[in-house]
């Protein structure tokens, strides 16, 4: 039996936010099945870019997949939500999925101090 690792993701969108968030959550449910918990969604001011507000949420799940696979899968979901390099260069982020934690490995360390991450981590089931 493969040992499943805890996985925490951060989702954010600043364009057609509710629709993009719904699409990403549906794709993540397809990937992880019933072993997935979504935090509430919070509206946040953009950080380091000029844009509309972001809609953010956290995702808590478990995975047997390797980190490299998870990275590629998240980029694929971002593209399914409409992410394109040209749009990003114009500060349009249809979906950004960051891996915050993979088992005991903490990633995107600066994100952990953001108020919305601190707030939504209170909903972490593990």
C-alpha atoms as a PDB file:
ATOM      1  CA  UNK A   1       0.000   0.000   0.000  1.00  0.00           C
ATOM      2  CA  UNK A   2       1.268   3.453  -0.926  1.00  0.00           C
ATOM      3  CA  UNK A   3       1.575   5.948   1.880  1.00  0.00           C
ATOM      4  CA  UNK A   4      -0.629   8.975   1.234  1.00  0.00           C
ATOM      5  CA  UNK A   5       0.838  12.375   1.923  1.00  0.00           C
ATOM      6  CA  UNK A   6      -0.991  15.446   3.207  1.00  0.00           C
ATOM      7  CA  UNK A   7      -1.411  18.087   0.543  1.00  0.00           C
ATOM      8  CA  UNK A   8      -2.415  21.728   0.994  1.00  0.00           C
ATOM      9  CA  UNK A   9      -3.089  23.883  -2.062  1.00  0.00           C
ATOM     10  CA  UNK A  10      -3.883  27.565  -2.438  1.00  0.00           C
ATOM     11  CA  UNK A  11      -6.264  28.654  -5.205  1.00  0.00           C
ATOM     12  CA  UNK A  12      -6.651  32.209  -6.431  1.00  0.00           C
ATOM     13  CA  UNK A  13      -8.371  33.995  -9.305  1.00  0.00           C
ATOM     14  CA  UNK A  14      -8.740  37.668 -10.244  1.00  0.00           C
ATOM     15  CA  UNK A  15     -10.828  37.278 -13.417  1.00  0.00           C
ATOM     16  CA  UNK A  16     -14.288  35.689 -13.680  1.00  0.00           C
ATOM     17  CA  UNK A  17     -13.406  34.583 -10.189  1.00  0.00           C
ATOM     18  CA  UNK A  18     -16.454  32.549  -9.135  1.00  0.00           C
ATOM     19  CA  UNK A  19     -16.582  30.624 -12.415  1.00  0.00           C
ATOM     20  CA  UNK A  20     -12.835  29.926 -12.481  1.00  0.00           C
ATOM     21  CA  UNK A  21     -12.889  28.841  -8.828  1.00  0.00           C
ATOM     22  CA  UNK A  22     -15.801  26.491  -9.501  1.00  0.00           C
ATOM     23  CA  UNK A  23     -14.040  24.957 -12.509  1.00  0.00           C
ATOM     24  CA  UNK A  24     -10.801  24.404 -10.577  1.00  0.00           C
ATOM     25  CA  UNK A  25     -12.651  22.857  -7.635  1.00  0.00           C
ATOM     26  CA  UNK A  26     -14.533  20.496  -9.950  1.00  0.00           C
ATOM     27  CA  UNK A  27     -11.274  19.363 -11.594  1.00  0.00           C
ATOM     28  CA  UNK A  28      -9.636  18.872  -8.187  1.00  0.00           C
ATOM     29  CA  UNK A  29     -12.624  16.801  -7.010  1.00  0.00           C
ATOM     30  CA  UNK A  30     -12.230  14.669 -10.149  1.00  0.00           C
ATOM     31  CA  UNK A  31      -8.547  14.160  -9.332  1.00  0.00           C
ATOM     32  CA  UNK A  32      -8.748  13.532  -5.574  1.00  0.00           C
ATOM     33  CA  UNK A  33     -12.256  12.133  -5.177  1.00  0.00           C
ATOM     34  CA  UNK A  34     -14.081  12.373  -1.888  1.00  0.00           C
ATOM     35  CA  UNK A  35     -10.832  12.880   0.066  1.00  0.00           C
ATOM     36  CA  UNK A  36     -10.830  16.632  -0.472  1.00  0.00           C
ATOM     37  CA  UNK A  37     -11.902  19.576   1.677  1.00  0.00           C
ATOM     38  CA  UNK A  38     -12.235  23.133   0.391  1.00  0.00           C
ATOM     39  CA  UNK A  39     -12.046  26.057   2.782  1.00  0.00           C
ATOM     40  CA  UNK A  40     -14.458  28.919   2.473  1.00  0.00           C
ATOM     41  CA  UNK A  41     -13.519  31.455  -0.191  1.00  0.00           C
ATOM     42  CA  UNK A  42     -12.251  34.917   0.702  1.00  0.00           C
ATOM     43  CA  UNK A  43     -11.939  38.067  -1.377  1.00  0.00           C
ATOM     44  CA  UNK A  44      -8.489  39.627  -1.082  1.00  0.00           C
ATOM     45  CA  UNK A  45      -6.674  42.658  -2.432  1.00  0.00           C
ATOM     46  CA  UNK A  46      -4.059  41.867  -5.079  1.00  0.00           C
ATOM     47  CA  UNK A  47      -0.447  41.636  -3.921  1.00  0.00           C
ATOM     48  CA  UNK A  48       2.313  43.099  -6.113  1.00  0.00           C
ATOM     49  CA  UNK A  49       0.049  43.560  -9.169  1.00  0.00           C
ATOM     50  CA  UNK A  50      -2.679  45.960 -10.224  1.00  0.00           C
ATOM     51  CA  UNK A  51      -5.872  44.023 -10.796  1.00  0.00           C
ATOM     52  CA  UNK A  52      -9.355  43.286  -9.605  1.00  0.00           C
ATOM     53  CA  UNK A  53      -9.718  41.530  -6.248  1.00  0.00           C
ATOM     54  CA  UNK A  54      -8.736  37.885  -5.934  1.00  0.00           C
ATOM     55  CA  UNK A  55     -11.022  35.108  -4.791  1.00  0.00           C
ATOM     56  CA  UNK A  56      -8.943  32.667  -2.736  1.00  0.00           C
ATOM     57  CA  UNK A  57      -9.463  29.351  -1.004  1.00  0.00           C
ATOM     58  CA  UNK A  58      -7.359  26.521   0.385  1.00  0.00           C
ATOM     59  CA  UNK A  59      -7.614  22.840  -0.455  1.00  0.00           C
ATOM     60  CA  UNK A  60      -6.826  20.029   1.971  1.00  0.00           C
ATOM     61  CA  UNK A  61      -6.423  16.464   0.720  1.00  0.00           C
ATOM     62  CA  UNK A  62      -4.122  13.440   0.624  1.00  0.00           C
ATOM     63  CA  UNK A  63      -2.234  11.999  -2.314  1.00  0.00           C
ATOM     64  CA  UNK A  64      -0.103   9.032  -3.247  1.00  0.00           C
ATOM     65  CA  UNK A  65       1.291  10.977  -6.228  1.00  0.00           C
ATOM     66  CA  UNK A  66       4.811  12.343  -6.311  1.00  0.00           C
ATOM     67  CA  UNK A  67       5.330  16.101  -6.026  1.00  0.00           C
ATOM     68  CA  UNK A  68       6.453  16.388  -9.660  1.00  0.00           C
ATOM     69  CA  UNK A  69       3.170  14.842 -10.824  1.00  0.00           C
ATOM     70  CA  UNK A  70       1.128  17.155  -8.575  1.00  0.00           C
ATOM     71  CA  UNK A  71       2.990  20.192  -9.977  1.00  0.00           C
ATOM     72  CA  UNK A  72       2.225  19.175 -13.560  1.00  0.00           C
ATOM     73  CA  UNK A  73      -1.396  18.361 -12.749  1.00  0.00           C
ATOM     74  CA  UNK A  74      -1.927  21.767 -11.109  1.00  0.00           C
ATOM     75  CA  UNK A  75      -0.461  23.566 -14.141  1.00  0.00           C
ATOM     76  CA  UNK A  76      -2.821  21.531 -16.339  1.00  0.00           C
ATOM     77  CA  UNK A  77      -5.823  22.587 -14.239  1.00  0.00           C
ATOM     78  CA  UNK A  78      -4.686  26.213 -14.429  1.00  0.00           C
ATOM     79  CA  UNK A  79      -4.649  25.927 -18.236  1.00  0.00           C
ATOM     80  CA  UNK A  80      -8.107  24.281 -18.228  1.00  0.00           C
ATOM     81  CA  UNK A  81      -9.351  27.336 -16.326  1.00  0.00           C
ATOM     82  CA  UNK A  82      -8.011  29.568 -19.094  1.00  0.00           C
ATOM     83  CA  UNK A  83      -4.587  30.620 -17.839  1.00  0.00           C
ATOM     84  CA  UNK A  84      -2.387  31.918 -20.631  1.00  0.00           C
ATOM     85  CA  UNK A  85       1.016  33.624 -20.495  1.00  0.00           C
ATOM     86  CA  UNK A  86      -0.277  36.623 -22.419  1.00  0.00           C
ATOM     87  CA  UNK A  87      -3.134  37.161 -19.949  1.00  0.00           C
ATOM     88  CA  UNK A  88      -0.742  36.820 -17.011  1.00  0.00           C
ATOM     89  CA  UNK A  89       1.477  39.492 -18.569  1.00  0.00           C
ATOM     90  CA  UNK A  90      -1.637  41.746 -18.411  1.00  0.00           C
ATOM     91  CA  UNK A  91      -2.243  40.832 -14.729  1.00  0.00           C
ATOM     92  CA  UNK A  92      -5.142  38.503 -15.565  1.00  0.00           C
ATOM     93  CA  UNK A  93      -4.899  35.401 -13.405  1.00  0.00           C
ATOM     94  CA  UNK A  94      -7.802  33.130 -14.200  1.00  0.00           C
ATOM     95  CA  UNK A  95      -6.455  30.493 -11.818  1.00  0.00           C
ATOM     96  CA  UNK A  96      -3.299  30.198  -9.773  1.00  0.00           C
ATOM     97  CA  UNK A  97      -2.776  26.972  -7.853  1.00  0.00           C
ATOM     98  CA  UNK A  98       0.164  26.870  -5.469  1.00  0.00           C
ATOM     99  CA  UNK A  99       1.261  23.837  -3.515  1.00  0.00           C
ATOM    100  CA  UNK A 100       1.696  25.129   0.035  1.00  0.00           C
ATOM    101  CA  UNK A 101       2.527  21.819   1.694  1.00  0.00           C
ATOM    102  CA  UNK A 102       3.365  18.339   0.454  1.00  0.00           C
ATOM    103  CA  UNK A 103       3.660  15.924   3.372  1.00  0.00           C
ATOM    104  CA  UNK A 104       6.189  17.718   5.625  1.00  0.00           C
ATOM    105  CA  UNK A 105       7.667  19.862   2.828  1.00  0.00           C
ATOM    106  CA  UNK A 106       6.563  23.508   3.158  1.00  0.00           C
ATOM    107  CA  UNK A 107       6.518  25.435  -0.113  1.00  0.00           C
ATOM    108  CA  UNK A 108       5.756  29.070  -1.025  1.00  0.00           C
ATOM    109  CA  UNK A 109       6.985  30.124   2.413  1.00  0.00           C
ATOM    110  CA  UNK A 110       6.060  33.806   1.895  1.00  0.00           C
ATOM    111  CA  UNK A 111       2.413  32.861   1.288  1.00  0.00           C
ATOM    112  CA  UNK A 112       2.079  31.368   4.771  1.00  0.00           C
ATOM    113  CA  UNK A 113       2.205  34.842   6.347  1.00  0.00           C
ATOM    114  CA  UNK A 114      -0.573  36.232   4.171  1.00  0.00           C
ATOM    115  CA  UNK A 115      -3.653  37.017   6.262  1.00  0.00           C
ATOM    116  CA  UNK A 116      -6.016  34.964   4.111  1.00  0.00           C
ATOM    117  CA  UNK A 117      -3.797  31.870   4.381  1.00  0.00           C
ATOM    118  CA  UNK A 118      -3.561  32.301   8.153  1.00  0.00           C
ATOM    119  CA  UNK A 119      -7.349  32.680   8.356  1.00  0.00           C
ATOM    120  CA  UNK A 120      -8.178  29.746   6.077  1.00  0.00           C
ATOM    121  CA  UNK A 121      -5.671  27.423   7.732  1.00  0.00           C
ATOM    122  CA  UNK A 122      -8.007  27.450  10.757  1.00  0.00           C
ATOM    123  CA  UNK A 123     -10.223  25.171   8.642  1.00  0.00           C
ATOM    124  CA  UNK A 124      -7.456  22.596   8.100  1.00  0.00           C
ATOM    125  CA  UNK A 125      -8.829  19.141   8.983  1.00  0.00           C
ATOM    126  CA  UNK A 126      -5.388  17.674   9.736  1.00  0.00           C
END
